[in-house]
Amino acid sequence: MVTNYSVNCMMCGRASGQVRRGVFYRVPGAPSLENRSGRSRCGFCGGNLYLEPDDSITVPIAASEEVRRERRLAS
C-alpha cells in the first residue's frame, strides 16, 4: 500500500509538494497552495491538483521539512 504521494498540477505540470502519511509537505521554493471553494489549487497557476503515488522523492523533501521544524523548536 502506497502512503506517499506527489502533489502535481494538471495545468502547469509543476510539483507543489507531497503527502506523506497524511501530512502535506510543500516543495522548497513553491508558493503556498490556494484555496478556492474549499479545494486546494496550484500556487503557481491556480490549476487543479492531483495525487500521484510516489516513493522516490518523499524522503528528501519530508526529511528537510522535519529538520526545519526541529531547528525552529530548538531556537
PDB file of N, CA and C in Angstrom:
ATOM      1  N   MET A   1       0.838  -1.187   0.000  1.00  0.00           N
ATOM      2  CA  MET A   1       0.000   0.000   0.000  1.00  0.00           C
ATOM      3  C   MET A   1       0.881   1.247   0.000  1.00  0.00           C
ATOM      4  N   VAL A   2       0.613   2.145  -0.924  1.00  0.00           N
ATOM      5  CA  VAL A   2       1.385   3.376  -1.036  1.00  0.00           C
ATOM      6  C   VAL A   2       0.804   4.415  -0.086  1.00  0.00           C
ATOM      7  N   THR A   3       1.653   5.034   0.714  1.00  0.00           N
ATOM      8  CA  THR A   3       1.203   6.098   1.622  1.00  0.00           C
ATOM      9  C   THR A   3       1.868   7.423   1.295  1.00  0.00           C
ATOM     10  N   ASN A   4       2.663   7.454   0.217  1.00  0.00           N
ATOM     11  CA  ASN A   4       3.370   8.665  -0.181  1.00  0.00           C
ATOM     12  C   ASN A   4       2.917   9.065  -1.575  1.00  0.00           C
ATOM     13  N   TYR A   5       2.578  10.339  -1.720  1.00  0.00           N
ATOM     14  CA  TYR A   5       2.069  10.833  -2.982  1.00  0.00           C
ATOM     15  C   TYR A   5       2.748  12.144  -3.358  1.00  0.00           C
ATOM     16  N   SER A   6       2.997  12.311  -4.631  1.00  0.00           N
ATOM     17  CA  SER A   6       3.473  13.579  -5.161  1.00  0.00           C
ATOM     18  C   SER A   6       2.238  14.395  -5.529  1.00  0.00           C
ATOM     19  N   VAL A   7       2.220  15.687  -5.168  1.00  0.00           N
ATOM     20  CA  VAL A   7       1.095  16.567  -5.482  1.00  0.00           C
ATOM     21  C   VAL A   7       1.510  17.411  -6.683  1.00  0.00           C
ATOM     22  N   ASN A   8       0.830  17.187  -7.817  1.00  0.00           N
ATOM     23  CA  ASN A   8       1.188  17.844  -9.072  1.00  0.00           C
ATOM     24  C   ASN A   8       0.014  18.635  -9.631  1.00  0.00           C
ATOM     25  N   CYS A   9       0.339  19.616 -10.472  1.00  0.00           N
ATOM     26  CA  CYS A   9      -0.683  20.446 -11.110  1.00  0.00           C
ATOM     27  C   CYS A   9      -1.045  19.878 -12.472  1.00  0.00           C
ATOM     28  N   MET A  10      -2.322  19.852 -12.779  1.00  0.00           N
ATOM     29  CA  MET A  10      -2.785  19.370 -14.076  1.00  0.00           C
ATOM     30  C   MET A  10      -2.531  20.386 -15.181  1.00  0.00           C
ATOM     31  N   MET A  11      -2.468  21.680 -14.840  1.00  0.00           N
ATOM     32  CA  MET A  11      -2.302  22.706 -15.871  1.00  0.00           C
ATOM     33  C   MET A  11      -0.833  22.973 -16.206  1.00  0.00           C
ATOM     34  N   CYS A  12      -0.025  23.260 -15.202  1.00  0.00           N
ATOM     35  CA  CYS A  12       1.370  23.642 -15.479  1.00  0.00           C
ATOM     36  C   CYS A  12       2.348  22.482 -15.302  1.00  0.00           C
ATOM     37  N   GLY A  13       1.902  21.380 -14.674  1.00  0.00           N
ATOM     38  CA  GLY A  13       2.740  20.203 -14.512  1.00  0.00           C
ATOM     39  C   GLY A  13       3.774  20.285 -13.399  1.00  0.00           C
ATOM     40  N   ARG A  14       3.790  21.393 -12.658  1.00  0.00           N
ATOM     41  CA  ARG A  14       4.766  21.540 -11.568  1.00  0.00           C
ATOM     42  C   ARG A  14       4.363  20.733 -10.349  1.00  0.00           C
ATOM     43  N   ALA A  15       5.366  20.312  -9.604  1.00  0.00           N
ATOM     44  CA  ALA A  15       5.131  19.632  -8.334  1.00  0.00           C
ATOM     45  C   ALA A  15       4.978  20.690  -7.249  1.00  0.00           C
ATOM     46  N   SER A  16       3.886  20.627  -6.507  1.00  0.00           N
ATOM     47  CA  SER A  16       3.641  21.576  -5.415  1.00  0.00           C
ATOM     48  C   SER A  16       4.125  21.040  -4.085  1.00  0.00           C
ATOM     49  N   GLY A  17       4.217  19.739  -3.978  1.00  0.00           N
ATOM     50  CA  GLY A  17       4.652  19.130  -2.724  1.00  0.00           C
ATOM     51  C   GLY A  17       4.375  17.656  -2.739  1.00  0.00           C
ATOM     52  N   GLN A  18       4.236  17.116  -1.552  1.00  0.00           N
ATOM     53  CA  GLN A  18       3.925  15.706  -1.426  1.00  0.00           C
ATOM     54  C   GLN A  18       3.174  15.452  -0.132  1.00  0.00           C
ATOM     55  N   VAL A  19       2.449  14.359  -0.134  1.00  0.00           N
ATOM     56  CA  VAL A  19       1.715  13.924   1.046  1.00  0.00           C
ATOM     57  C   VAL A  19       2.404  12.671   1.546  1.00  0.00           C
ATOM     58  N   ARG A  20       2.786  12.712   2.811  1.00  0.00           N
ATOM     59  CA  ARG A  20       3.450  11.569   3.428  1.00  0.00           C
ATOM     60  C   ARG A  20       2.734  11.254   4.728  1.00  0.00           C
ATOM     61  N   ARG A  21       2.173  10.066   4.805  1.00  0.00           N
ATOM     62  CA  ARG A  21       1.403   9.631   5.975  1.00  0.00           C
ATOM     63  C   ARG A  21       0.296  10.620   6.329  1.00  0.00           C
ATOM     64  N   GLY A  22      -0.333  11.184   5.313  1.00  0.00           N
ATOM     65  CA  GLY A  22      -1.450  12.092   5.518  1.00  0.00           C
ATOM     66  C   GLY A  22      -1.074  13.531   5.800  1.00  0.00           C
ATOM     67  N   VAL A  23       0.215  13.873   5.792  1.00  0.00           N
ATOM     68  CA  VAL A  23       0.668  15.241   6.057  1.00  0.00           C
ATOM     69  C   VAL A  23       1.241  15.830   4.772  1.00  0.00           C
ATOM     70  N   PHE A  24       0.819  17.049   4.421  1.00  0.00           N
ATOM     71  CA  PHE A  24       1.314  17.716   3.224  1.00  0.00           C
ATOM     72  C   PHE A  24       2.632  18.435   3.520  1.00  0.00           C
ATOM     73  N   TYR A  25       3.612  18.220   2.654  1.00  0.00           N
ATOM     74  CA  TYR A  25       4.904  18.907   2.722  1.00  0.00           C
ATOM     75  C   TYR A  25       5.089  19.671   1.427  1.00  0.00           C
ATOM     76  N   ARG A  26       5.232  20.981   1.533  1.00  0.00           N
ATOM     77  CA  ARG A  26       5.407  21.813   0.343  1.00  0.00           C
ATOM     78  C   ARG A  26       6.833  21.692  -0.161  1.00  0.00           C
ATOM     79  N   VAL A  27       7.000  21.687  -1.493  1.00  0.00           N
ATOM     80  CA  VAL A  27       8.328  21.656  -2.098  1.00  0.00           C
ATOM     81  C   VAL A  27       9.016  22.975  -1.767  1.00  0.00           C
ATOM     82  N   PRO A  28      10.296  22.945  -1.322  1.00  0.00           N
ATOM     83  CA  PRO A  28      11.005  24.205  -1.035  1.00  0.00           C
ATOM     84  C   PRO A  28      10.985  25.123  -2.248  1.00  0.00           C
ATOM     85  N   GLY A  29      10.601  26.362  -2.030  1.00  0.00           N
ATOM     86  CA  GLY A  29      10.545  27.350  -3.103  1.00  0.00           C
ATOM     87  C   GLY A  29       9.192  27.437  -3.792  1.00  0.00           C
ATOM     88  N   ALA A  30       8.300  26.519  -3.530  1.00  0.00           N
ATOM     89  CA  ALA A  30       6.965  26.550  -4.145  1.00  0.00           C
ATOM     90  C   ALA A  30       6.055  27.476  -3.343  1.00  0.00           C
ATOM     91  N   PRO A  31       5.199  28.231  -4.032  1.00  0.00           N
ATOM     92  CA  PRO A  31       4.250  29.083  -3.297  1.00  0.00           C
ATOM     93  C   PRO A  31       3.212  28.236  -2.569  1.00  0.00           C
ATOM     94  N   SER A  32       2.583  28.824  -1.575  1.00  0.00           N
ATOM     95  CA  SER A  32       1.534  28.124  -0.834  1.00  0.00           C
ATOM     96  C   SER A  32       0.377  27.784  -1.765  1.00  0.00           C
ATOM     97  N   LEU A  33      -0.317  26.701  -1.437  1.00  0.00           N
ATOM     98  CA  LEU A  33      -1.474  26.320  -2.229  1.00  0.00           C
ATOM     99  C   LEU A  33      -2.583  27.343  -2.039  1.00  0.00           C
ATOM    100  N   GLU A  34      -3.372  27.546  -3.082  1.00  0.00           N
ATOM    101  CA  GLU A  34      -4.533  28.431  -2.995  1.00  0.00           C
ATOM    102  C   GLU A  34      -5.739  27.593  -2.596  1.00  0.00           C
ATOM    103  N   ASN A  35      -6.713  28.221  -1.967  1.00  0.00           N
ATOM    104  CA  ASN A  35      -7.936  27.535  -1.586  1.00  0.00           C
ATOM    105  C   ASN A  35      -9.103  28.246  -2.252  1.00  0.00           C
ATOM    106  N   ARG A  36      -9.732  27.580  -3.206  1.00  0.00           N
ATOM    107  CA  ARG A  36     -10.894  28.135  -3.904  1.00  0.00           C
ATOM    108  C   ARG A  36     -12.071  27.187  -3.729  1.00  0.00           C
ATOM    109  N   SER A  37     -13.120  27.707  -3.172  1.00  0.00           N
ATOM    110  CA  SER A  37     -14.345  26.923  -2.957  1.00  0.00           C
ATOM    111  C   SER A  37     -14.075  25.629  -2.203  1.00  0.00           C
ATOM    112  N   GLY A  38     -13.165  25.695  -1.245  1.00  0.00           N
ATOM    113  CA  GLY A  38     -12.867  24.536  -0.416  1.00  0.00           C
ATOM    114  C   GLY A  38     -11.955  23.509  -1.066  1.00  0.00           C
ATOM    115  N   ARG A  39     -11.376  23.845  -2.229  1.00  0.00           N
ATOM    116  CA  ARG A  39     -10.476  22.923  -2.919  1.00  0.00           C
ATOM    117  C   ARG A  39      -9.100  23.548  -3.055  1.00  0.00           C
ATOM    118  N   SER A  40      -8.072  22.738  -2.856  1.00  0.00           N
ATOM    119  CA  SER A  40      -6.705  23.226  -2.995  1.00  0.00           C
ATOM    120  C   SER A  40      -6.363  23.381  -4.470  1.00  0.00           C
ATOM    121  N   ARG A  41      -5.665  24.476  -4.774  1.00  0.00           N
ATOM    122  CA  ARG A  41      -5.239  24.765  -6.144  1.00  0.00           C
ATOM    123  C   ARG A  41      -3.743  25.024  -6.161  1.00  0.00           C
ATOM    124  N   CYS A  42      -3.147  24.879  -7.328  1.00  0.00           N
ATOM    125  CA  CYS A  42      -1.721  25.116  -7.524  1.00  0.00           C
ATOM    126  C   CYS A  42      -1.374  26.554  -7.151  1.00  0.00           C
ATOM    127  N   GLY A  43      -0.309  26.733  -6.380  1.00  0.00           N
ATOM    128  CA  GLY A  43       0.140  28.064  -6.001  1.00  0.00           C
ATOM    129  C   GLY A  43       0.826  28.795  -7.137  1.00  0.00           C
ATOM    130  N   PHE A  44       1.282  28.067  -8.154  1.00  0.00           N
ATOM    131  CA  PHE A  44       1.936  28.685  -9.304  1.00  0.00           C
ATOM    132  C   PHE A  44       0.919  29.271 -10.284  1.00  0.00           C
ATOM    133  N   CYS A  45      -0.094  28.456 -10.667  1.00  0.00           N
ATOM    134  CA  CYS A  45      -1.002  28.889 -11.738  1.00  0.00           C
ATOM    135  C   CYS A  45      -2.481  28.825 -11.365  1.00  0.00           C
ATOM    136  N   GLY A  46      -2.817  28.237 -10.219  1.00  0.00           N
ATOM    137  CA  GLY A  46      -4.218  28.119  -9.812  1.00  0.00           C
ATOM    138  C   GLY A  46      -4.928  26.913 -10.398  1.00  0.00           C
ATOM    139  N   GLY A  47      -4.180  26.016 -11.038  1.00  0.00           N
ATOM    140  CA  GLY A  47      -4.775  24.830 -11.649  1.00  0.00           C
ATOM    141  C   GLY A  47      -5.151  23.760 -10.640  1.00  0.00           C
ATOM    142  N   ASN A  48      -5.874  22.762 -11.132  1.00  0.00           N
ATOM    143  CA  ASN A  48      -6.280  21.622 -10.305  1.00  0.00           C
ATOM    144  C   ASN A  48      -5.067  20.773  -9.948  1.00  0.00           C
ATOM    145  N   LEU A  49      -5.095  20.198  -8.772  1.00  0.00           N
ATOM    146  CA  LEU A  49      -4.011  19.332  -8.304  1.00  0.00           C
ATOM    147  C   LEU A  49      -4.451  17.883  -8.323  1.00  0.00           C
ATOM    148  N   TYR A  50      -3.497  16.999  -8.512  1.00  0.00           N
ATOM    149  CA  TYR A  50      -3.779  15.572  -8.426  1.00  0.00           C
ATOM    150  C   TYR A  50      -2.657  14.891  -7.661  1.00  0.00           C
ATOM    151  N   LEU A  51      -2.988  13.750  -7.063  1.00  0.00           N
ATOM    152  CA  LEU A  51      -2.023  12.963  -6.311  1.00  0.00           C
ATOM    153  C   LEU A  51      -1.519  11.826  -7.182  1.00  0.00           C
ATOM    154  N   GLU A  52      -0.218  11.619  -7.163  1.00  0.00           N
ATOM    155  CA  GLU A  52       0.387  10.528  -7.899  1.00  0.00           C
ATOM    156  C   GLU A  52       1.193   9.681  -6.920  1.00  0.00           C
ATOM    157  N   PRO A  53       0.913   8.386  -6.822  1.00  0.00           N
ATOM    158  CA  PRO A  53       1.694   7.535  -5.913  1.00  0.00           C
ATOM    159  C   PRO A  53       3.181   7.649  -6.225  1.00  0.00           C
ATOM    160  N   ASP A  54       3.980   7.921  -5.207  1.00  0.00           N
ATOM    161  CA  ASP A  54       5.403   8.151  -5.449  1.00  0.00           C
ATOM    162  C   ASP A  54       6.203   7.939  -4.176  1.00  0.00           C
ATOM    163  N   ASP A  55       7.193   7.073  -4.256  1.00  0.00           N
ATOM    164  CA  ASP A  55       8.086   6.849  -3.131  1.00  0.00           C
ATOM    165  C   ASP A  55       9.482   7.388  -3.395  1.00  0.00           C
ATOM    166  N   SER A  56       9.753   7.844  -4.607  1.00  0.00           N
ATOM    167  CA  SER A  56      11.119   8.196  -4.981  1.00  0.00           C
ATOM    168  C   SER A  56      11.629   9.487  -4.355  1.00  0.00           C
ATOM    169  N   ILE A  57      10.809  10.559  -4.269  1.00  0.00           N
ATOM    170  CA  ILE A  57      11.309  11.837  -3.756  1.00  0.00           C
ATOM    171  C   ILE A  57      10.781  12.166  -2.367  1.00  0.00           C
ATOM    172  N   THR A  58      10.058  11.256  -1.768  1.00  0.00           N
ATOM    173  CA  THR A  58       9.412  11.531  -0.489  1.00  0.00           C
ATOM    174  C   THR A  58      10.402  11.822   0.625  1.00  0.00           C
ATOM    175  N   VAL A  59      11.399  11.014   0.758  1.00  0.00           N
ATOM    176  CA  VAL A  59      12.314  11.139   1.891  1.00  0.00           C
ATOM    177  C   VAL A  59      13.037  12.482   1.907  1.00  0.00           C
ATOM    178  N   PRO A  60      13.651  12.959   0.808  1.00  0.00           N
ATOM    179  CA  PRO A  60      14.389  14.220   0.893  1.00  0.00           C
ATOM    180  C   PRO A  60      13.533  15.422   1.283  1.00  0.00           C
ATOM    181  N   ILE A  61      12.344  15.585   0.693  1.00  0.00           N
ATOM    182  CA  ILE A  61      11.516  16.748   0.996  1.00  0.00           C
ATOM    183  C   ILE A  61      10.977  16.658   2.415  1.00  0.00           C
ATOM    184  N   ALA A  62      10.414  15.528   2.788  1.00  0.00           N
ATOM    185  CA  ALA A  62       9.859  15.376   4.129  1.00  0.00           C
ATOM    186  C   ALA A  62      10.949  15.484   5.186  1.00  0.00           C
ATOM    187  N   ALA A  63      12.111  14.919   4.918  1.00  0.00           N
ATOM    188  CA  ALA A  63      13.206  14.976   5.883  1.00  0.00           C
ATOM    189  C   ALA A  63      13.681  16.413   6.074  1.00  0.00           C
ATOM    190  N   SER A  64      13.779  17.174   4.996  1.00  0.00           N
ATOM    191  CA  SER A  64      14.227  18.562   5.135  1.00  0.00           C
ATOM    192  C   SER A  64      13.213  19.380   5.917  1.00  0.00           C
ATOM    193  N   GLU A  65      11.928  19.097   5.741  1.00  0.00           N
ATOM    194  CA  GLU A  65      10.888  19.788   6.498  1.00  0.00           C
ATOM    195  C   GLU A  65      10.983  19.453   7.982  1.00  0.00           C
ATOM    196  N   GLU A  66      11.248  18.199   8.310  1.00  0.00           N
ATOM    197  CA  GLU A  66      11.364  17.798   9.708  1.00  0.00           C
ATOM    198  C   GLU A  66      12.581  18.449  10.362  1.00  0.00           C
ATOM    199  N   VAL A  67      13.674  18.581   9.628  1.00  0.00           N
ATOM    200  CA  VAL A  67      14.869  19.236  10.160  1.00  0.00           C
ATOM    201  C   VAL A  67      14.560  20.698  10.447  1.00  0.00           C
ATOM    202  N   ARG A  68      13.832  21.367   9.537  1.00  0.00           N
ATOM    203  CA  ARG A  68      13.457  22.766   9.769  1.00  0.00           C
ATOM    204  C   ARG A  68      12.590  22.909  11.000  1.00  0.00           C
ATOM    205  N   ARG A  69      11.642  21.994  11.194  1.00  0.00           N
ATOM    206  CA  ARG A  69      10.781  22.044  12.385  1.00  0.00           C
ATOM    207  C   ARG A  69      11.585  21.896  13.662  1.00  0.00           C
ATOM    208  N   GLU A  70      12.528  20.946  13.648  1.00  0.00           N
ATOM    209  CA  GLU A  70      13.360  20.724  14.830  1.00  0.00           C
ATOM    210  C   GLU A  70      14.197  21.964  15.137  1.00  0.00           C
ATOM    211  N   ARG A  71      14.714  22.618  14.116  1.00  0.00           N
ATOM    212  CA  ARG A  71      15.508  23.842  14.333  1.00  0.00           C
ATOM    213  C   ARG A  71      14.657  24.945  14.921  1.00  0.00           C
ATOM    214  N   ARG A  72      13.408  25.073  14.422  1.00  0.00           N
ATOM    215  CA  ARG A  72      12.518  26.105  14.953  1.00  0.00           C
ATOM    216  C   ARG A  72      12.197  25.841  16.424  1.00  0.00           C
ATOM    217  N   LEU A  73      11.973  24.585  16.754  1.00  0.00           N
ATOM    218  CA  LEU A  73      11.652  24.244  18.137  1.00  0.00           C
ATOM    219  C   LEU A  73      12.860  24.461  19.054  1.00  0.00           C
ATOM    220  N   ALA A  74      14.062  24.229  18.540  1.00  0.00           N
ATOM    221  CA  ALA A  74      15.266  24.382  19.345  1.00  0.00           C
ATOM    222  C   ALA A  74      15.613  25.843  19.617  1.00  0.00           C
ATOM    223  N   SER A  75      15.165  26.741  18.725  1.00  0.00           N
ATOM    224  CA  SER A  75      15.532  28.163  18.929  1.00  0.00           C
ATOM    225  C   SER A  75      14.536  28.928  19.736  1.00  0.00           C
TER     226      SER A  75
END
